[in-house]
Protein backbone atom coordinates (compact mmCIF):
# COMPACT_ATOMS: atom_id res chain seq x y z
CA MET A 1 0.00 0.00 0.00
CA THR A 2 1.03 3.62 -0.40
CA ARG A 3 1.16 6.29 2.26
CA LYS A 4 -1.63 8.06 0.38
CA ASP A 5 -3.81 4.92 0.49
CA LEU A 6 -3.27 4.47 4.22
CA LEU A 7 -4.10 8.08 5.06
CA ALA A 8 -7.20 7.91 2.86
CA ALA A 9 -8.28 4.79 4.78
CA GLY A 10 -8.16 6.75 8.06
CA VAL A 11 -4.73 5.73 9.35
CA THR A 12 -3.19 8.72 11.09
CA VAL A 13 0.44 9.78 10.71
CA GLY A 14 1.07 8.69 14.29
CA GLU A 15 -0.49 5.27 13.70
CA LEU A 16 1.53 4.88 10.53
CA LYS A 17 4.77 5.54 12.43
CA HIS A 18 3.71 3.11 15.18
CA ARG A 19 2.96 0.35 12.66
CA LEU A 20 6.31 0.90 11.00
CA GLY A 21 7.95 0.53 14.42
CA THR A 22 6.14 -2.73 15.23
CA GLY A 23 6.58 -4.30 11.78
CA ALA A 24 2.90 -4.17 10.91
CA LEU A 25 4.06 -2.05 7.97
CA ILE A 26 7.38 -2.59 6.22
CA ALA A 27 8.85 0.18 4.08
CA VAL A 28 9.78 -1.07 0.60
CA HIS A 29 10.17 2.17 -1.33
CA ARG A 30 9.58 5.77 -0.36
CA GLY A 31 5.90 5.98 0.59
CA VAL A 32 5.25 2.30 -0.31
CA TYR A 33 4.77 -0.38 2.33
CA ARG A 34 4.26 -4.11 2.60
CA VAL A 35 1.57 -5.02 5.09
CA GLY A 36 2.89 -7.21 7.89
CA HIS A 37 5.13 -9.77 6.17
CA ARG A 38 8.30 -10.28 4.15
CA ALA A 39 7.26 -13.53 2.45
CA PRO A 40 8.83 -13.82 -1.03
CA SER A 41 6.38 -12.65 -3.67
CA VAL A 42 7.09 -11.66 -7.25
CA GLU A 43 3.73 -9.91 -7.43
CA ALA A 44 4.43 -7.87 -4.28
CA ARG A 45 7.85 -6.86 -5.63
CA TYR A 46 6.39 -5.78 -8.96
CA LEU A 47 3.41 -3.97 -7.44
CA ALA A 48 5.64 -2.09 -5.00
CA ALA A 49 7.82 -0.83 -7.86
CA VAL A 50 4.77 0.29 -9.84
CA LEU A 51 3.32 2.11 -6.83
CA ALA A 52 6.66 3.80 -6.27
CA GLY A 53 6.49 5.05 -9.86
CA GLY A 54 3.50 7.21 -9.01
CA GLU A 55 0.18 7.74 -10.71
CA GLY A 56 0.08 6.33 -14.23
CA ALA A 57 3.03 3.98 -13.69
CA LEU A 58 2.89 0.54 -15.33
CA LEU A 59 4.84 -2.68 -15.22
CA THR A 60 6.42 -3.18 -18.62
CA GLY A 61 9.11 -4.98 -20.60
CA ARG A 62 10.51 -8.32 -19.45
CA ALA A 63 8.82 -8.02 -16.05
CA ALA A 64 5.37 -7.63 -17.63
CA ALA A 65 6.18 -10.51 -19.97
CA HIS A 66 7.14 -12.73 -17.03
CA LEU A 67 3.99 -11.77 -15.12
CA THR A 68 1.79 -12.72 -18.09
CA GLY A 69 3.73 -15.92 -18.86
CA LEU A 70 5.25 -14.78 -22.15
CA LEU A 71 8.78 -15.35 -20.83
CA LYS A 72 9.95 -18.31 -18.77
CA GLY A 73 12.73 -18.56 -16.24
CA PRO A 74 13.57 -16.64 -13.05
CA PRO A 75 11.58 -13.42 -12.58
CA PRO A 76 13.48 -10.42 -13.94
CA ALA A 77 13.87 -7.17 -12.04
CA PRO A 78 10.89 -4.81 -12.15
CA GLU A 79 10.64 -2.55 -15.19
CA VAL A 80 8.41 0.47 -14.80
CA ALA A 81 7.12 3.01 -17.33
CA ALA A 82 5.86 6.22 -15.74
CA PRO A 83 4.87 9.77 -16.74
CA ARG A 84 7.59 11.15 -14.44
CA LEU A 85 11.09 9.74 -14.17
CA ARG A 86 11.84 8.54 -10.65
CA ARG A 87 14.61 6.58 -9.04
CA ILE A 88 13.28 3.27 -7.72
CA GLU A 89 15.77 0.98 -6.02
CA GLY A 90 16.07 -2.36 -7.79
CA ALA A 91 13.92 -1.33 -10.73
CA ALA A 92 14.54 0.01 -14.23
CA VAL A 93 12.42 3.09 -14.89
CA ARG A 94 11.73 4.86 -18.16
CA GLN A 95 9.58 7.87 -18.79
CA TYR A 96 6.78 8.01 -21.31
CA ARG A 97 5.12 11.13 -22.66
CA THR A 98 1.89 9.52 -23.74
CA MET A 99 0.37 6.11 -23.15
CA ASP A 100 -2.70 5.05 -25.09
CA PRO A 101 -5.34 3.63 -22.71
CA LEU A 102 -5.74 0.75 -25.17
CA ASP A 103 -2.21 -0.33 -24.21
CA THR A 104 -2.85 -0.55 -20.47
CA THR A 105 -4.41 -3.26 -18.34
CA VAL A 106 -4.29 -4.77 -14.85
CA VAL A 107 -2.73 -8.18 -14.26
CA ARG A 108 -3.20 -9.74 -10.81
CA ALA A 109 -3.95 -6.28 -9.37
CA ILE A 110 -0.78 -4.82 -10.95
CA PRO A 111 -1.14 -2.02 -13.54
CA ALA A 112 0.76 -3.21 -16.61
CA THR A 113 1.05 -2.90 -20.34
CA THR A 114 -1.23 -5.13 -22.38
CA VAL A 115 0.14 -8.34 -23.87
CA ALA A 116 0.28 -6.87 -27.38
CA ARG A 117 2.00 -3.71 -26.13
CA THR A 118 4.44 -5.81 -24.09
CA LEU A 119 5.44 -7.65 -27.28
CA THR A 120 6.32 -4.36 -28.96
CA ASP A 121 8.49 -3.45 -25.95
CA LEU A 122 10.20 -6.86 -26.04
CA ALA A 123 11.01 -6.38 -29.73
CA ALA A 124 13.59 -3.78 -28.76
CA VAL A 125 15.51 -6.10 -26.41
CA LEU A 126 14.99 -9.75 -27.40
CA PRO A 127 16.61 -11.70 -30.23
CA ALA A 128 14.23 -12.90 -32.92
CA ALA A 129 13.97 -16.52 -31.68
CA GLU A 130 13.03 -15.48 -28.11
CA LEU A 131 10.63 -12.88 -29.45
CA ALA A 132 8.98 -15.54 -31.60
CA ARG A 133 8.49 -17.78 -28.55
CA ALA A 134 6.91 -14.87 -26.67
CA CYS A 135 4.57 -14.20 -29.60
CA HIS A 136 3.58 -17.86 -29.65
CA GLU A 137 2.78 -17.80 -25.92
CA ALA A 138 0.71 -14.66 -26.49
CA GLY A 139 -1.30 -16.45 -29.14
CA VAL A 140 -1.81 -19.61 -27.08
CA ARG A 141 -2.58 -17.96 -23.75
CA TYR A 142 -4.40 -14.81 -24.84
CA ARG A 143 -5.33 -15.40 -28.51
CA ILE A 144 -3.26 -12.39 -29.55
CA THR A 145 -3.18 -12.12 -33.35
CA PRO A 146 -0.75 -10.39 -35.73
CA SER A 147 -3.48 -7.76 -36.25
CA ASP A 148 -3.50 -7.00 -32.51
CA VAL A 149 0.25 -6.43 -32.57
CA GLU A 150 0.08 -4.38 -35.76
CA ALA A 151 -2.50 -2.11 -34.13
CA VAL A 152 -0.05 -1.30 -31.33
CA MET A 153 2.80 -0.72 -33.78
CA THR A 154 0.58 1.66 -35.73
CA ARG A 155 0.21 3.69 -32.55
CA ARG A 156 4.00 3.46 -32.02
CA PRO A 157 5.48 3.99 -35.50
CA ARG A 158 8.98 4.77 -34.17
CA ALA A 159 9.24 1.97 -31.63
CA ALA A 160 12.58 0.17 -31.65
CA GLY A 161 12.52 -3.38 -32.95
CA SER A 162 9.39 -2.99 -35.09
CA ALA A 163 11.03 -4.54 -38.14
CA ARG A 164 12.10 -7.58 -36.10
CA LEU A 165 8.62 -7.97 -34.64
CA ARG A 166 6.96 -7.73 -38.05
CA SER A 167 9.32 -10.39 -39.33
CA VAL A 168 8.25 -12.64 -36.47
CA ILE A 169 4.50 -12.15 -36.82
CA GLN A 170 4.77 -12.61 -40.60
CA ASP A 171 6.31 -16.05 -39.97
CA ASP A 172 9.75 -15.18 -41.35
CA VAL A 173 11.49 -16.47 -38.20
CA PRO A 174 11.57 -20.25 -37.69
CA VAL A 175 11.31 -21.23 -34.07
CA THR A 176 11.15 -24.42 -32.03
CA LEU A 177 8.92 -23.90 -29.06
CA SER A 178 8.80 -26.95 -26.84
CA LYS A 179 10.65 -30.01 -25.62
CA LEU A 180 8.05 -32.11 -27.47
CA GLU A 181 8.67 -30.33 -30.74
CA ARG A 182 12.46 -30.42 -30.39
CA ARG A 183 12.35 -34.18 -29.77
CA PHE A 184 10.05 -34.69 -32.76
CA LEU A 185 12.43 -32.79 -35.08
CA ASP A 186 15.44 -34.68 -33.71
CA LEU A 187 13.71 -37.99 -34.47
CA LEU A 188 12.93 -36.86 -38.02
CA SER A 189 16.55 -35.85 -38.60
CA ALA A 190 17.90 -39.12 -37.21
CA ALA A 191 15.51 -41.08 -39.43
CA GLY A 192 16.49 -39.14 -42.53
CA LEU A 193 13.00 -37.72 -42.98
CA PRO A 194 12.31 -34.22 -44.34
CA LEU A 195 11.91 -31.45 -41.78
CA PRO A 196 8.70 -29.41 -41.67
CA GLU A 197 7.88 -25.76 -41.44
CA THR A 198 7.03 -25.21 -37.77
CA ASN A 199 4.46 -22.93 -36.18
CA ARG A 200 3.45 -21.27 -39.42
CA VAL A 201 0.05 -19.95 -40.39
CA ALA A 202 -1.93 -22.22 -42.72
CA GLY A 203 -5.58 -21.58 -43.45
CA GLY A 204 -5.69 -18.74 -40.93
CA ARG A 205 -4.33 -20.76 -37.99
CA ARG A 206 -0.90 -21.68 -36.75
CA VAL A 207 -0.10 -25.34 -37.15
CA ASP A 208 2.68 -27.18 -35.37
CA CYS A 209 4.33 -28.86 -38.36
CA ARG A 210 3.56 -28.73 -42.07
CA TRP A 211 5.20 -30.06 -45.21
CA PRO A 212 3.57 -28.06 -48.06
CA ASP A 213 5.34 -30.07 -50.77
CA HIS A 214 4.05 -33.31 -49.27
CA CYS A 215 0.57 -31.98 -48.39
CA LEU A 216 0.96 -33.12 -44.79
CA THR A 217 0.11 -31.43 -41.49
CA VAL A 218 1.11 -32.80 -38.08
CA GLU A 219 -0.09 -31.51 -34.73
CA LEU A 220 1.85 -32.38 -31.58
CA ASP A 221 -0.43 -32.72 -28.58
CA SER A 222 0.98 -31.88 -25.19
CA TYR A 223 -1.37 -31.88 -22.21
CA ARG A 224 -0.43 -28.29 -21.37
CA TYR A 225 -1.91 -26.82 -24.54
CA HIS A 226 -4.61 -29.38 -25.32
CA SER A 227 -6.31 -30.16 -22.01
CA SER A 228 -9.20 -27.68 -22.10
CA ARG A 229 -12.56 -27.83 -23.88
CA HIS A 230 -11.58 -24.80 -25.97
CA ALA A 231 -8.29 -26.42 -27.01
CA TRP A 232 -10.13 -29.63 -27.93
CA GLU A 233 -12.53 -27.68 -30.15
CA GLN A 234 -9.66 -25.79 -31.79
CA ASP A 235 -7.87 -29.06 -32.51
CA ARG A 236 -10.90 -30.32 -34.40
CA HIS A 237 -11.03 -27.07 -36.41
CA ARG A 238 -7.36 -27.44 -37.35
CA GLU A 239 -7.94 -30.98 -38.55
CA ARG A 240 -10.90 -30.00 -40.74
CA GLU A 241 -8.99 -27.06 -42.18
CA ALA A 242 -6.00 -29.26 -43.01
CA ARG A 243 -8.19 -31.66 -44.93
CA LEU A 244 -9.96 -28.80 -46.72
CA ARG A 245 -6.63 -27.52 -48.05
CA GLY A 246 -5.84 -31.01 -49.30
CA ASP A 247 -3.42 -32.11 -46.56
CA ASP A 248 -3.16 -35.47 -44.89
CA PHE A 249 -3.43 -34.91 -41.15
CA ARG A 250 -1.76 -36.72 -38.27
CA ARG A 251 -1.81 -36.04 -34.56
CA TYR A 252 1.00 -37.32 -32.30
CA THR A 253 1.06 -37.21 -28.52
CA TYR A 254 3.86 -36.94 -26.00
CA GLY A 255 3.74 -40.72 -25.65
CA ASP A 256 4.07 -41.22 -29.41
CA VAL A 257 7.16 -39.02 -29.54
CA PHE A 258 8.94 -40.05 -26.34
CA ASP A 259 7.67 -43.54 -25.53
CA HIS A 260 6.77 -45.20 -28.83
CA PRO A 261 8.53 -43.31 -31.64
CA ARG A 262 9.06 -46.43 -33.77
CA LEU A 263 5.39 -46.68 -34.72
CA MET A 264 5.17 -42.95 -35.44
CA LEU A 265 8.29 -42.97 -37.63
CA ALA A 266 7.08 -46.02 -39.54
CA GLU A 267 3.88 -44.19 -40.39
CA LEU A 268 5.79 -41.08 -41.46
CA HIS A 269 8.09 -43.13 -43.69
CA LEU A 270 4.99 -44.36 -45.51
CA LEU A 271 3.59 -40.85 -45.82
CA PHE A 272 6.81 -39.57 -47.37
CA SER A 273 7.23 -42.60 -49.64
CA PRO A 274 7.35 -41.78 -53.40
CA THR A 275 4.80 -44.53 -53.93
CA ARG A 276 2.36 -42.99 -51.48
CA ARG A 277 -1.18 -42.97 -52.77
CA ASN A 278 -2.91 -39.64 -53.23
């Protein structure tokens, strides 16, 4: 909480000082306090930095991407965008002159940039492969489309990294996204089978693996991305669309790839055979 919040809630200056002395309030930044505990919390750390940035401050960059699940790994230091430049210990702060309300949201009670806006910020600091993985996560988790990202870039015509981001959302950057997919490609290489295009748009949707010259689409089903009713429905749509564009369609699970690859590879050998029936 902020000092302003506490005073507005009826806490007097004397009570505030007393609570600081007893540990009921713990000063984190100037005028920003944790309430009664020091338990590790990424959200508390990020919210404290945003509150310290003042009115209009937002979590942004890698920190916003971590909070929304676009980037994996240990939580990065807070990054804050604010109308006024302030020094916040342990946080990177940058000033903005204008921020379109369409680019702001609240994530787990923390004011932050939207997912699409966060991607445009990441474009300035991430290499293309990492940026492509973040864009994929945005599509899977939040159904963010290239049009959503383009809309933000239209509002930010001079943003650094725009060319890289456009290359990613236009599918010019090949990227391997998961352990399942990496294992599948390794098995294909070891078996001398042709490698597919991965995570490219076909028929308006991204598909895991496609061989346009062989008219074949393969989806790799991990429980993480295919366990919900919505994901199940989308899988059926992908299969129908593949057949409508004239592709054979196969679906392989984690067990097919890791536990029983022999059967899967035997089927793929037949599909790539020159004598394959159309």
